[in-house]
Amino acid sequence: MRVLLLKDVKGLGHAGEIKEVAGGYANNYLFPNKLVTLVTDGAVNQVKQVKDATERKLERKETEAKSLAAKLDGQVVVFKARSGEGDRLYGSITNADVADALAKTTGITVDRKYVVLEHPIKALGEHRVTLKIASGITAVATVVVERGS
């Protein structure tokens, strides 16, 4: 029996694929759980439309992410912080602090999850911070920590 997968089915295939399955498997498991539908021209067209819409949405998101990365790349953020001996800060600067500062300087809302820090910044000086906007799309900002009062 030829069926069109509506959802991913482990061991069978991914949504949108047309598969040949045993009648009992289709009638007893796949149809009752609404995982498949019979192959018809209308169903195939509907799946194509959904795939096209999904591709357009992904392209739009990727374009937006590249635009955001271009705006954030090369930004410099300055922090004034109290420090002690050896230019060590009394506190630390976290990814949330960097995201807030970037949002204030650029006017663009930056999620703290975008800011990749192995450890919070605890020393004076210049620090390069990677901003992971989306998979494969990154930007680099500079965080300058100066001695404050």
N, C-alpha and C. Protein backbone atom coordinates (compact mmCIF):
# COMPACT_ATOMS: atom_id res chain seq x y z
N MET A 1 0.86 -1.17 0.00
CA MET A 1 0.00 0.00 0.00
C MET A 1 0.91 1.23 0.00
N ARG A 2 0.64 2.17 -0.92
CA ARG A 2 1.43 3.39 -1.00
C ARG A 2 0.80 4.45 -0.10
N VAL A 3 1.64 5.00 0.79
CA VAL A 3 1.16 6.01 1.72
C VAL A 3 2.10 7.21 1.71
N LEU A 4 1.56 8.34 2.11
CA LEU A 4 2.32 9.58 2.22
C LEU A 4 2.50 9.86 3.71
N LEU A 5 3.76 9.98 4.15
CA LEU A 5 4.04 10.21 5.57
C LEU A 5 3.71 11.66 5.94
N LEU A 6 2.88 11.83 6.97
CA LEU A 6 2.52 13.14 7.48
C LEU A 6 3.49 13.60 8.56
N LYS A 7 4.09 12.64 9.26
CA LYS A 7 5.06 12.92 10.32
C LYS A 7 6.22 11.96 10.15
N ASP A 8 7.34 12.26 10.80
CA ASP A 8 8.48 11.35 10.79
C ASP A 8 8.10 10.07 11.53
N VAL A 9 8.41 8.92 10.93
CA VAL A 9 8.14 7.63 11.54
C VAL A 9 9.46 6.89 11.63
N LYS A 10 9.86 6.58 12.85
CA LYS A 10 11.15 5.90 13.06
C LYS A 10 11.17 4.57 12.32
N GLY A 11 12.22 4.37 11.56
CA GLY A 11 12.38 3.12 10.82
C GLY A 11 11.66 3.10 9.48
N LEU A 12 10.89 4.15 9.17
CA LEU A 12 10.15 4.18 7.92
C LEU A 12 10.57 5.35 7.05
N GLY A 13 10.58 6.57 7.59
CA GLY A 13 10.98 7.72 6.80
C GLY A 13 10.57 9.02 7.43
N HIS A 14 10.77 10.09 6.65
CA HIS A 14 10.48 11.44 7.13
C HIS A 14 9.19 11.96 6.51
N ALA A 15 8.62 12.97 7.15
CA ALA A 15 7.38 13.58 6.67
C ALA A 15 7.55 14.05 5.23
N GLY A 16 6.53 13.81 4.42
CA GLY A 16 6.55 14.23 3.02
C GLY A 16 7.00 13.15 2.06
N GLU A 17 7.53 12.05 2.57
CA GLU A 17 8.00 10.97 1.70
C GLU A 17 6.85 10.02 1.38
N ILE A 18 6.92 9.41 0.21
CA ILE A 18 5.95 8.38 -0.20
C ILE A 18 6.62 7.03 -0.02
N LYS A 19 5.97 6.14 0.73
CA LYS A 19 6.54 4.83 1.04
C LYS A 19 5.55 3.72 0.72
N GLU A 20 6.07 2.56 0.48
CA GLU A 20 5.27 1.35 0.27
C GLU A 20 5.32 0.57 1.59
N VAL A 21 4.14 0.32 2.18
CA VAL A 21 4.08 -0.39 3.46
C VAL A 21 3.05 -1.51 3.37
N ALA A 22 3.14 -2.44 4.30
CA ALA A 22 2.18 -3.54 4.37
C ALA A 22 0.81 -2.99 4.78
N GLY A 23 -0.24 -3.59 4.26
CA GLY A 23 -1.61 -3.13 4.54
C GLY A 23 -1.95 -3.17 6.01
N GLY A 24 -1.55 -4.25 6.69
CA GLY A 24 -1.85 -4.37 8.12
C GLY A 24 -1.15 -3.30 8.95
N TYR A 25 0.10 -3.03 8.61
CA TYR A 25 0.86 -2.00 9.32
C TYR A 25 0.19 -0.64 9.15
N ALA A 26 -0.23 -0.35 7.93
CA ALA A 26 -0.89 0.92 7.65
C ALA A 26 -2.23 1.00 8.37
N ASN A 27 -3.06 -0.02 8.24
CA ASN A 27 -4.41 0.01 8.81
C ASN A 27 -4.44 -0.08 10.33
N ASN A 28 -3.49 -0.81 10.91
CA ASN A 28 -3.52 -1.04 12.36
C ASN A 28 -2.69 -0.04 13.16
N TYR A 29 -1.70 0.59 12.52
CA TYR A 29 -0.84 1.49 13.28
C TYR A 29 -0.76 2.90 12.68
N LEU A 30 -0.43 2.97 11.41
CA LEU A 30 -0.16 4.28 10.81
C LEU A 30 -1.41 5.15 10.67
N PHE A 31 -2.49 4.59 10.14
CA PHE A 31 -3.72 5.39 9.97
C PHE A 31 -4.34 5.79 11.31
N PRO A 32 -4.50 4.88 12.28
CA PRO A 32 -5.11 5.28 13.56
C PRO A 32 -4.31 6.37 14.29
N ASN A 33 -2.99 6.37 14.12
CA ASN A 33 -2.16 7.37 14.80
C ASN A 33 -1.95 8.62 13.94
N LYS A 34 -2.65 8.67 12.81
CA LYS A 34 -2.60 9.82 11.90
C LYS A 34 -1.17 10.18 11.49
N LEU A 35 -0.39 9.14 11.18
CA LEU A 35 0.98 9.33 10.73
C LEU A 35 1.09 9.36 9.21
N VAL A 36 0.08 8.80 8.52
CA VAL A 36 0.11 8.73 7.06
C VAL A 36 -1.26 9.03 6.48
N THR A 37 -1.27 9.22 5.16
CA THR A 37 -2.51 9.34 4.41
C THR A 37 -2.29 8.61 3.09
N LEU A 38 -3.36 8.25 2.44
CA LEU A 38 -3.22 7.60 1.14
C LEU A 38 -2.65 8.58 0.14
N VAL A 39 -1.89 8.05 -0.81
CA VAL A 39 -1.27 8.90 -1.82
C VAL A 39 -2.34 9.33 -2.83
N THR A 40 -2.56 10.66 -2.89
CA THR A 40 -3.44 11.25 -3.88
C THR A 40 -2.74 12.48 -4.44
N ASP A 41 -3.20 12.97 -5.57
CA ASP A 41 -2.60 14.17 -6.15
C ASP A 41 -2.73 15.36 -5.21
N GLY A 42 -3.89 15.49 -4.58
CA GLY A 42 -4.12 16.60 -3.66
C GLY A 42 -3.19 16.55 -2.46
N ALA A 43 -2.99 15.36 -1.91
CA ALA A 43 -2.12 15.20 -0.74
C ALA A 43 -0.67 15.52 -1.11
N VAL A 44 -0.23 15.06 -2.28
CA VAL A 44 1.14 15.32 -2.72
C VAL A 44 1.34 16.82 -2.94
N ASN A 45 0.37 17.49 -3.55
CA ASN A 45 0.45 18.93 -3.77
C ASN A 45 0.50 19.69 -2.45
N GLN A 46 -0.30 19.24 -1.49
CA GLN A 46 -0.32 19.89 -0.19
C GLN A 46 1.05 19.78 0.49
N VAL A 47 1.66 18.61 0.41
CA VAL A 47 2.97 18.41 1.02
C VAL A 47 4.01 19.30 0.34
N LYS A 48 3.93 19.42 -0.99
CA LYS A 48 4.87 20.29 -1.72
C LYS A 48 4.72 21.74 -1.27
N GLN A 49 3.48 22.18 -1.08
CA GLN A 49 3.25 23.55 -0.64
C GLN A 49 3.82 23.79 0.76
N VAL A 50 3.64 22.81 1.64
CA VAL A 50 4.15 22.94 3.01
C VAL A 50 5.68 22.98 2.99
N LYS A 51 6.30 22.12 2.16
CA LYS A 51 7.76 22.11 2.07
C LYS A 51 8.28 23.43 1.51
N ASP A 52 7.61 23.96 0.49
CA ASP A 52 8.03 25.24 -0.09
C ASP A 52 7.92 26.37 0.94
N ALA A 53 6.83 26.37 1.69
CA ALA A 53 6.64 27.40 2.71
C ALA A 53 7.73 27.28 3.79
N THR A 54 8.06 26.07 4.17
CA THR A 54 9.09 25.85 5.18
C THR A 54 10.45 26.33 4.67
N GLU A 55 10.76 26.05 3.42
CA GLU A 55 12.03 26.49 2.84
C GLU A 55 12.10 28.02 2.79
N ARG A 56 11.01 28.67 2.40
CA ARG A 56 11.00 30.13 2.36
C ARG A 56 11.21 30.70 3.76
N LYS A 57 10.57 30.09 4.75
CA LYS A 57 10.69 30.56 6.13
C LYS A 57 12.14 30.41 6.60
N LEU A 58 12.78 29.28 6.29
CA LEU A 58 14.17 29.07 6.69
C LEU A 58 15.10 30.07 6.00
N GLU A 59 14.86 30.34 4.72
CA GLU A 59 15.67 31.32 3.99
C GLU A 59 15.52 32.71 4.60
N ARG A 60 14.29 33.07 4.96
CA ARG A 60 14.04 34.38 5.57
C ARG A 60 14.77 34.49 6.91
N LYS A 61 14.70 33.43 7.72
CA LYS A 61 15.38 33.44 9.02
C LYS A 61 16.89 33.54 8.84
N GLU A 62 17.42 32.84 7.84
CA GLU A 62 18.86 32.89 7.59
C GLU A 62 19.28 34.29 7.15
N THR A 63 18.47 34.91 6.30
CA THR A 63 18.77 36.28 5.85
C THR A 63 18.75 37.25 7.03
N GLU A 64 17.76 37.10 7.91
CA GLU A 64 17.67 37.96 9.08
C GLU A 64 18.87 37.76 10.00
N ALA A 65 19.29 36.49 10.16
CA ALA A 65 20.44 36.19 11.02
C ALA A 65 21.72 36.79 10.44
N LYS A 66 21.89 36.71 9.12
CA LYS A 66 23.08 37.30 8.49
C LYS A 66 23.08 38.81 8.64
N SER A 67 21.92 39.42 8.51
CA SER A 67 21.80 40.87 8.68
C SER A 67 22.16 41.27 10.10
N LEU A 68 21.65 40.54 11.08
CA LEU A 68 21.95 40.81 12.48
C LEU A 68 23.44 40.64 12.75
N ALA A 69 24.03 39.57 12.21
CA ALA A 69 25.46 39.33 12.40
C ALA A 69 26.29 40.47 11.80
N ALA A 70 25.88 40.96 10.64
CA ALA A 70 26.61 42.06 10.01
C ALA A 70 26.55 43.32 10.86
N LYS A 71 25.40 43.57 11.50
CA LYS A 71 25.26 44.75 12.34
C LYS A 71 26.07 44.63 13.63
N LEU A 72 26.17 43.42 14.16
CA LEU A 72 26.86 43.22 15.44
C LEU A 72 28.36 42.99 15.29
N ASP A 73 28.79 42.57 14.12
CA ASP A 73 30.20 42.26 13.90
C ASP A 73 31.05 43.53 14.04
N GLY A 74 32.08 43.44 14.88
CA GLY A 74 32.98 44.57 15.05
C GLY A 74 32.54 45.59 16.08
N GLN A 75 31.42 45.38 16.72
CA GLN A 75 30.95 46.32 17.74
C GLN A 75 31.91 46.31 18.94
N VAL A 76 32.08 47.46 19.54
CA VAL A 76 32.92 47.58 20.73
C VAL A 76 32.05 48.04 21.89
N VAL A 77 32.15 47.33 22.99
CA VAL A 77 31.38 47.64 24.19
C VAL A 77 32.37 47.92 25.32
N VAL A 78 32.19 49.02 26.03
CA VAL A 78 33.10 49.41 27.09
C VAL A 78 32.40 49.27 28.44
N PHE A 79 33.09 48.61 29.36
CA PHE A 79 32.58 48.46 30.73
C PHE A 79 33.57 49.15 31.68
N LYS A 80 33.05 49.81 32.68
CA LYS A 80 33.88 50.37 33.76
C LYS A 80 33.61 49.50 34.98
N ALA A 81 34.69 48.94 35.53
CA ALA A 81 34.51 48.03 36.66
C ALA A 81 35.60 48.25 37.70
N ARG A 82 35.27 48.01 38.94
CA ARG A 82 36.25 48.10 40.02
C ARG A 82 37.17 46.90 39.95
N SER A 83 38.46 47.15 40.20
CA SER A 83 39.41 46.05 40.14
C SER A 83 40.40 46.15 41.29
N GLY A 84 41.03 45.04 41.55
CA GLY A 84 42.00 44.97 42.64
C GLY A 84 43.39 44.73 42.08
N GLU A 85 44.19 44.02 42.86
CA GLU A 85 45.56 43.72 42.44
C GLU A 85 45.57 42.85 41.19
N GLY A 86 46.57 43.08 40.37
CA GLY A 86 46.71 42.25 39.16
C GLY A 86 45.61 42.48 38.14
N ASP A 87 44.97 43.64 38.21
CA ASP A 87 43.89 43.98 37.28
C ASP A 87 42.76 42.96 37.28
N ARG A 88 42.52 42.32 38.40
CA ARG A 88 41.41 41.38 38.55
C ARG A 88 40.18 42.15 39.00
N LEU A 89 39.05 41.84 38.40
CA LEU A 89 37.80 42.51 38.77
C LEU A 89 37.27 41.95 40.07
N TYR A 90 36.56 42.80 40.82
CA TYR A 90 35.92 42.32 42.05
C TYR A 90 34.72 41.44 41.70
N GLY A 91 34.07 41.76 40.62
CA GLY A 91 32.95 40.95 40.16
C GLY A 91 33.34 40.30 38.84
N SER A 92 32.38 40.10 37.98
CA SER A 92 32.67 39.57 36.66
C SER A 92 31.66 40.11 35.67
N ILE A 93 32.00 40.00 34.40
CA ILE A 93 31.11 40.43 33.34
C ILE A 93 30.62 39.16 32.64
N THR A 94 29.32 38.96 32.64
CA THR A 94 28.74 37.73 32.10
C THR A 94 28.18 37.95 30.70
N ASN A 95 27.72 36.86 30.10
CA ASN A 95 27.12 36.97 28.77
C ASN A 95 25.87 37.85 28.78
N ALA A 96 25.13 37.86 29.87
CA ALA A 96 23.94 38.71 29.98
C ALA A 96 24.34 40.19 30.00
N ASP A 97 25.44 40.50 30.69
CA ASP A 97 25.93 41.88 30.73
C ASP A 97 26.34 42.35 29.34
N VAL A 98 27.05 41.48 28.61
CA VAL A 98 27.49 41.82 27.26
C VAL A 98 26.28 42.00 26.35
N ALA A 99 25.29 41.11 26.45
CA ALA A 99 24.09 41.22 25.62
C ALA A 99 23.34 42.52 25.90
N ASP A 100 23.22 42.89 27.18
CA ASP A 100 22.55 44.16 27.54
C ASP A 100 23.30 45.36 26.98
N ALA A 101 24.62 45.34 27.10
CA ALA A 101 25.42 46.46 26.60
C ALA A 101 25.33 46.57 25.09
N LEU A 102 25.36 45.44 24.39
CA LEU A 102 25.21 45.46 22.93
C LEU A 102 23.84 46.00 22.54
N ALA A 103 22.82 45.62 23.28
CA ALA A 103 21.47 46.10 22.99
C ALA A 103 21.38 47.61 23.18
N LYS A 104 22.06 48.14 24.20
CA LYS A 104 22.03 49.58 24.45
C LYS A 104 22.79 50.35 23.37
N THR A 105 23.94 49.82 22.93
CA THR A 105 24.75 50.56 21.96
C THR A 105 24.20 50.45 20.54
N THR A 106 23.62 49.31 20.19
CA THR A 106 23.15 49.12 18.82
C THR A 106 21.66 49.37 18.66
N GLY A 107 20.92 49.25 19.75
CA GLY A 107 19.47 49.39 19.66
C GLY A 107 18.80 48.11 19.18
N ILE A 108 19.57 47.05 19.06
CA ILE A 108 19.04 45.76 18.61
C ILE A 108 18.97 44.83 19.82
N THR A 109 17.85 44.17 19.99
CA THR A 109 17.72 43.22 21.08
C THR A 109 18.62 42.02 20.82
N VAL A 110 19.51 41.77 21.78
CA VAL A 110 20.46 40.66 21.65
C VAL A 110 20.17 39.68 22.77
N ASP A 111 19.90 38.44 22.41
CA ASP A 111 19.64 37.40 23.40
C ASP A 111 20.96 36.99 24.05
N ARG A 112 20.96 36.79 25.35
CA ARG A 112 22.19 36.43 26.05
C ARG A 112 22.73 35.08 25.59
N LYS A 113 21.88 34.24 25.02
CA LYS A 113 22.31 32.93 24.53
C LYS A 113 23.22 33.06 23.31
N TYR A 114 23.13 34.19 22.62
CA TYR A 114 23.99 34.43 21.46
C TYR A 114 25.45 34.63 21.86
N VAL A 115 25.66 35.17 23.07
CA VAL A 115 27.01 35.53 23.52
C VAL A 115 27.70 34.28 24.06
N VAL A 116 28.82 33.93 23.42
CA VAL A 116 29.55 32.72 23.81
C VAL A 116 30.76 33.13 24.65
N LEU A 117 30.70 32.80 25.92
CA LEU A 117 31.82 33.02 26.84
C LEU A 117 32.14 31.70 27.53
N GLU A 118 33.41 31.28 27.47
CA GLU A 118 33.78 30.07 28.19
C GLU A 118 33.67 30.30 29.69
N HIS A 119 34.17 31.47 30.12
CA HIS A 119 34.12 31.87 31.52
C HIS A 119 33.75 33.35 31.57
N PRO A 120 33.11 33.78 32.63
CA PRO A 120 32.83 35.21 32.75
C PRO A 120 34.14 36.01 32.72
N ILE A 121 34.09 37.23 32.22
CA ILE A 121 35.28 38.07 32.12
C ILE A 121 35.59 38.62 33.51
N LYS A 122 36.85 38.37 33.98
CA LYS A 122 37.23 38.77 35.33
C LYS A 122 38.51 39.59 35.37
N ALA A 123 38.91 40.13 34.20
CA ALA A 123 40.15 40.90 34.15
C ALA A 123 39.96 42.15 33.29
N LEU A 124 40.76 43.17 33.59
CA LEU A 124 40.75 44.38 32.79
C LEU A 124 41.36 44.07 31.42
N GLY A 125 41.02 44.90 30.43
CA GLY A 125 41.62 44.73 29.12
C GLY A 125 40.59 44.54 28.03
N GLU A 126 41.10 44.12 26.89
CA GLU A 126 40.27 43.91 25.71
C GLU A 126 40.00 42.42 25.54
N HIS A 127 38.75 42.08 25.33
CA HIS A 127 38.37 40.67 25.18
C HIS A 127 37.51 40.53 23.93
N ARG A 128 37.84 39.54 23.10
CA ARG A 128 37.04 39.26 21.91
C ARG A 128 35.96 38.26 22.30
N VAL A 129 34.72 38.58 21.92
CA VAL A 129 33.57 37.74 22.28
C VAL A 129 32.88 37.30 21.00
N THR A 130 32.63 36.00 20.90
CA THR A 130 31.93 35.45 19.74
C THR A 130 30.43 35.50 19.99
N LEU A 131 29.70 35.94 18.98
CA LEU A 131 28.23 35.97 19.05
C LEU A 131 27.72 34.94 18.05
N LYS A 132 27.14 33.87 18.56
CA LYS A 132 26.61 32.82 17.69
C LYS A 132 25.14 33.12 17.44
N ILE A 133 24.84 33.70 16.27
CA ILE A 133 23.49 34.14 15.95
C ILE A 133 22.62 32.95 15.55
N ALA A 134 23.14 32.11 14.67
CA ALA A 134 22.45 30.91 14.21
C ALA A 134 23.53 29.90 13.85
N SER A 135 23.13 28.70 13.49
CA SER A 135 24.14 27.69 13.16
C SER A 135 24.92 28.15 11.93
N GLY A 136 26.21 28.28 12.11
CA GLY A 136 27.07 28.70 11.02
C GLY A 136 27.16 30.20 10.81
N ILE A 137 26.40 30.98 11.54
CA ILE A 137 26.42 32.44 11.39
C ILE A 137 26.90 33.05 12.71
N THR A 138 28.09 33.64 12.66
CA THR A 138 28.66 34.23 13.87
C THR A 138 29.14 35.65 13.61
N ALA A 139 29.35 36.37 14.68
CA ALA A 139 29.93 37.71 14.64
C ALA A 139 30.89 37.81 15.81
N VAL A 140 31.80 38.76 15.72
CA VAL A 140 32.77 38.95 16.80
C VAL A 140 32.67 40.39 17.29
N ALA A 141 32.49 40.53 18.58
CA ALA A 141 32.45 41.85 19.21
C ALA A 141 33.62 41.97 20.17
N THR A 142 33.99 43.20 20.50
CA THR A 142 35.08 43.44 21.41
C THR A 142 34.52 44.04 22.71
N VAL A 143 34.93 43.46 23.80
CA VAL A 143 34.54 43.96 25.12
C VAL A 143 35.78 44.57 25.75
N VAL A 144 35.70 45.85 26.06
CA VAL A 144 36.81 46.56 26.71
C VAL A 144 36.41 46.81 28.16
N VAL A 145 37.25 46.32 29.06
CA VAL A 145 36.98 46.50 30.49
C VAL A 145 38.03 47.47 31.01
N GLU A 146 37.54 48.61 31.51
CA GLU A 146 38.43 49.65 32.03
C GLU A 146 38.25 49.78 33.53
N ARG A 147 39.28 50.33 34.16
CA ARG A 147 39.22 50.54 35.60
C ARG A 147 38.20 51.64 35.89
N GLY A 148 37.31 51.34 36.78
CA GLY A 148 36.28 52.31 37.17
C GLY A 148 36.39 52.64 38.63
N SER A 149 35.45 53.43 39.11
CA SER A 149 35.51 53.84 40.52
C SER A 149 34.69 52.94 41.38
